Amino acid sequence: MGCRCNEIGQITRDLTRLGNAQADVMRASSSNGSLDDSMGTSKAKTERAYKADTEATIQGDMDTVHNQIGPNISSLLSKIAQIISSLERKLVEYRHEDDAYHEEERKKAEEAAKKQAEGNSH
């Protein structure tokens, strides 16, 4: 067991970055919801504006875009959440180890100072 201050700092920075990434992906998810609404409106307009073979192609392309974006955003949010959870557990573990290490080092320093003081008084 040793000092974990560096690891704690690294994990804390990583958690901040992942939190920011998670917020960005959530904003993208919200934008995807707006995109869904826009695509629904566009599909309705397409049905009125285009007929025959072009209508099916345009609607199919819109559905393809929607089907690719939604699952990717959901999957990415899930992966980020898993990594955050794992890092938070590791952070707790490292903090316990670090606290124990520094407590042990503090006690050693106190004992050394006590011995030195006893040696100086003789």
C-alpha atoms as a PDB file:
ATOM      1  CA  MET A   1       0.000   0.000   0.000  1.00  0.00           C
ATOM      2  CA  GLY A   2       1.354   3.410  -0.913  1.00  0.00           C
ATOM      3  CA  CYS A   3       0.371   6.975  -1.583  1.00  0.00           C
ATOM      4  CA  ARG A   4      -2.470   7.179  -4.100  1.00  0.00           C
ATOM      5  CA  CYS A   5      -2.615  10.978  -4.430  1.00  0.00           C
ATOM      6  CA  ASN A   6      -1.562  10.907  -8.113  1.00  0.00           C
ATOM      7  CA  GLU A   7      -4.076   8.222  -9.017  1.00  0.00           C
ATOM      8  CA  ILE A   8      -6.819  10.035  -7.119  1.00  0.00           C
ATOM      9  CA  GLY A   9      -6.054  13.214  -9.052  1.00  0.00           C
ATOM     10  CA  GLN A  10      -6.077  11.373 -12.372  1.00  0.00           C
ATOM     11  CA  ILE A  11      -9.373   9.637 -11.655  1.00  0.00           C
ATOM     12  CA  THR A  12     -10.937  12.882 -10.467  1.00  0.00           C
ATOM     13  CA  ARG A  13      -9.892  14.591 -13.725  1.00  0.00           C
ATOM     14  CA  ASP A  14     -11.180  11.627 -15.736  1.00  0.00           C
ATOM     15  CA  LEU A  15     -14.515  11.751 -13.927  1.00  0.00           C
ATOM     16  CA  THR A  16     -14.818  15.450 -14.715  1.00  0.00           C
ATOM     17  CA  ARG A  17     -14.064  14.818 -18.391  1.00  0.00           C
ATOM     18  CA  LEU A  18     -16.484  11.903 -18.540  1.00  0.00           C
ATOM     19  CA  GLY A  19     -19.170  13.994 -16.845  1.00  0.00           C
ATOM     20  CA  ASN A  20     -18.676  16.662 -19.496  1.00  0.00           C
ATOM     21  CA  ALA A  21     -18.798  14.028 -22.252  1.00  0.00           C
ATOM     22  CA  GLN A  22     -21.958  12.570 -20.744  1.00  0.00           C
ATOM     23  CA  ALA A  23     -23.576  16.019 -20.722  1.00  0.00           C
ATOM     24  CA  ASP A  24     -22.562  16.525 -24.366  1.00  0.00           C
ATOM     25  CA  VAL A  25     -24.069  13.180 -25.384  1.00  0.00           C
ATOM     26  CA  MET A  26     -27.244  13.973 -23.445  1.00  0.00           C
ATOM     27  CA  ARG A  27     -27.485  17.268 -25.344  1.00  0.00           C
ATOM     28  CA  ALA A  28     -27.005  15.277 -28.562  1.00  0.00           C
ATOM     29  CA  SER A  29     -29.789  12.961 -27.431  1.00  0.00           C
ATOM     30  CA  SER A  30     -32.021  15.954 -26.866  1.00  0.00           C
ATOM     31  CA  SER A  31     -31.047  17.262 -30.290  1.00  0.00           C
ATOM     32  CA  ASN A  32     -31.887  13.833 -31.685  1.00  0.00           C
ATOM     33  CA  GLY A  33     -35.351  14.207 -30.153  1.00  0.00           C
ATOM     34  CA  SER A  34     -35.682  17.539 -31.916  1.00  0.00           C
ATOM     35  CA  LEU A  35     -34.390  15.883 -35.078  1.00  0.00           C
ATOM     36  CA  ASP A  36     -37.060  13.204 -34.703  1.00  0.00           C
ATOM     37  CA  ASP A  37     -39.711  15.905 -34.493  1.00  0.00           C
ATOM     38  CA  SER A  38     -38.260  17.699 -37.504  1.00  0.00           C
ATOM     39  CA  MET A  39     -38.017  14.468 -39.438  1.00  0.00           C
ATOM     40  CA  GLY A  40     -41.636  13.659 -38.631  1.00  0.00           C
ATOM     41  CA  THR A  41     -42.674  17.052 -39.926  1.00  0.00           C
ATOM     42  CA  SER A  42     -40.446  16.625 -42.968  1.00  0.00           C
ATOM     43  CA  LYS A  43     -41.902  13.204 -43.681  1.00  0.00           C
ATOM     44  CA  ALA A  44     -45.407  14.639 -43.536  1.00  0.00           C
ATOM     45  CA  LYS A  45     -44.411  17.434 -45.895  1.00  0.00           C
ATOM     46  CA  THR A  46     -42.653  14.934 -48.157  1.00  0.00           C
ATOM     47  CA  GLU A  47     -45.826  12.897 -48.410  1.00  0.00           C
ATOM     48  CA  ARG A  48     -47.671  15.984 -49.628  1.00  0.00           C
ATOM     49  CA  ALA A  49     -44.878  17.249 -51.911  1.00  0.00           C
ATOM     50  CA  TYR A  50     -43.554  14.070 -53.522  1.00  0.00           C
ATOM     51  CA  LYS A  51     -45.366  11.105 -54.817  1.00  0.00           C
ATOM     52  CA  ALA A  52     -44.587   7.760 -56.326  1.00  0.00           C
ATOM     53  CA  ASP A  53     -41.073   6.345 -56.192  1.00  0.00           C
ATOM     54  CA  THR A  54     -39.259   9.365 -54.651  1.00  0.00           C
ATOM     55  CA  GLU A  55     -41.492   9.450 -51.562  1.00  0.00           C
ATOM     56  CA  ALA A  56     -40.481   5.981 -50.409  1.00  0.00           C
ATOM     57  CA  THR A  57     -36.798   6.693 -51.011  1.00  0.00           C
ATOM     58  CA  ILE A  58     -36.820   9.940 -49.050  1.00  0.00           C
ATOM     59  CA  GLN A  59     -38.780   8.447 -46.159  1.00  0.00           C
ATOM     60  CA  GLY A  60     -36.502   5.408 -46.130  1.00  0.00           C
ATOM     61  CA  ASP A  61     -33.431   7.644 -45.965  1.00  0.00           C
ATOM     62  CA  MET A  62     -34.940   9.596 -43.066  1.00  0.00           C
ATOM     63  CA  ASP A  63     -35.735   6.390 -41.205  1.00  0.00           C
ATOM     64  CA  THR A  64     -32.182   5.135 -41.796  1.00  0.00           C
ATOM     65  CA  VAL A  65     -30.702   8.297 -40.259  1.00  0.00           C
ATOM     66  CA  HIS A  66     -32.999   8.025 -37.251  1.00  0.00           C
ATOM     67  CA  ASN A  67     -32.288   4.310 -36.761  1.00  0.00           C
ATOM     68  CA  GLN A  68     -28.525   4.906 -36.792  1.00  0.00           C
ATOM     69  CA  ILE A  69     -28.415   7.890 -34.435  1.00  0.00           C
ATOM     70  CA  GLY A  70     -30.752   6.805 -31.627  1.00  0.00           C
ATOM     71  CA  PRO A  71     -29.150   3.481 -30.687  1.00  0.00           C
ATOM     72  CA  ASN A  72     -25.631   4.914 -30.930  1.00  0.00           C
ATOM     73  CA  ILE A  73     -26.453   7.712 -28.514  1.00  0.00           C
ATOM     74  CA  SER A  74     -28.117   5.297 -26.104  1.00  0.00           C
ATOM     75  CA  SER A  75     -25.184   2.877 -26.290  1.00  0.00           C
ATOM     76  CA  LEU A  76     -22.659   5.645 -25.747  1.00  0.00           C
ATOM     77  CA  LEU A  77     -24.528   6.971 -22.703  1.00  0.00           C
ATOM     78  CA  SER A  78     -24.614   3.472 -21.262  1.00  0.00           C
ATOM     79  CA  LYS A  79     -20.879   2.953 -21.792  1.00  0.00           C
ATOM     80  CA  ILE A  80     -20.021   6.309 -20.231  1.00  0.00           C
ATOM     81  CA  ALA A  81     -22.218   5.527 -17.209  1.00  0.00           C
ATOM     82  CA  GLN A  82     -20.485   2.152 -16.754  1.00  0.00           C
ATOM     83  CA  ILE A  83     -17.035   3.736 -16.894  1.00  0.00           C
ATOM     84  CA  ILE A  84     -18.036   6.481 -14.449  1.00  0.00           C
ATOM     85  CA  SER A  85     -19.407   3.884 -12.040  1.00  0.00           C
ATOM     86  CA  SER A  86     -16.226   1.812 -12.269  1.00  0.00           C
ATOM     87  CA  LEU A  87     -13.996   4.838 -11.722  1.00  0.00           C
ATOM     88  CA  GLU A  88     -16.072   5.998  -8.750  1.00  0.00           C
ATOM     89  CA  ARG A  89     -15.616   2.596  -7.106  1.00  0.00           C
ATOM     90  CA  LYS A  90     -11.873   2.711  -7.804  1.00  0.00           C
ATOM     91  CA  LEU A  91     -11.720   6.251  -6.403  1.00  0.00           C
ATOM     92  CA  VAL A  92     -13.302   5.146  -3.117  1.00  0.00           C
ATOM     93  CA  GLU A  93     -10.824   2.264  -2.900  1.00  0.00           C
ATOM     94  CA  TYR A  94      -7.848   4.539  -3.594  1.00  0.00           C
ATOM     95  CA  ARG A  95      -9.013   7.114  -1.065  1.00  0.00           C
ATOM     96  CA  HIS A  96      -9.206   4.450   1.644  1.00  0.00           C
ATOM     97  CA  GLU A  97      -5.728   3.194   0.772  1.00  0.00           C
ATOM     98  CA  ASP A  98      -4.374   6.738   0.633  1.00  0.00           C
ATOM     99  CA  ASP A  99      -5.913   7.696   3.979  1.00  0.00           C
ATOM    100  CA  ALA A 100      -4.436   4.585   5.604  1.00  0.00           C
ATOM    101  CA  TYR A 101      -1.015   5.250   4.066  1.00  0.00           C
ATOM    102  CA  HIS A 102      -0.908   8.880   5.175  1.00  0.00           C
ATOM    103  CA  GLU A 103      -2.140   7.965   8.658  1.00  0.00           C
ATOM    104  CA  GLU A 104       0.647   5.410   8.933  1.00  0.00           C
ATOM    105  CA  GLU A 105       3.200   7.961   7.709  1.00  0.00           C
ATOM    106  CA  ARG A 106       1.889  10.531  10.220  1.00  0.00           C
ATOM    107  CA  LYS A 107       2.262   8.040  13.073  1.00  0.00           C
ATOM    108  CA  LYS A 108       5.799   7.185  11.971  1.00  0.00           C
ATOM    109  CA  ALA A 109       6.711  10.866  11.896  1.00  0.00           C
ATOM    110  CA  GLU A 110       5.232  11.391  15.371  1.00  0.00           C
ATOM    111  CA  GLU A 111       7.191   8.412  16.743  1.00  0.00           C
ATOM    112  CA  ALA A 112      10.404   9.660  15.137  1.00  0.00           C
ATOM    113  CA  ALA A 113       9.859  13.139  16.569  1.00  0.00           C
ATOM    114  CA  LYS A 114       9.120  11.664  20.002  1.00  0.00           C
ATOM    115  CA  LYS A 115      12.317   9.555  19.910  1.00  0.00           C
ATOM    116  CA  GLN A 116      14.320  12.547  18.787  1.00  0.00           C
ATOM    117  CA  ALA A 117      12.887  14.653  21.595  1.00  0.00           C
ATOM    118  CA  GLU A 118      13.679  11.902  24.120  1.00  0.00           C
ATOM    119  CA  GLY A 119      17.226  11.666  22.762  1.00  0.00           C
ATOM    120  CA  ASN A 120      17.723  15.406  23.049  1.00  0.00           C
ATOM    121  CA  SER A 121      16.529  15.471  26.671  1.00  0.00           C
ATOM    122  CA  HIS A 122      19.179  12.951  27.845  1.00  0.00           C
END
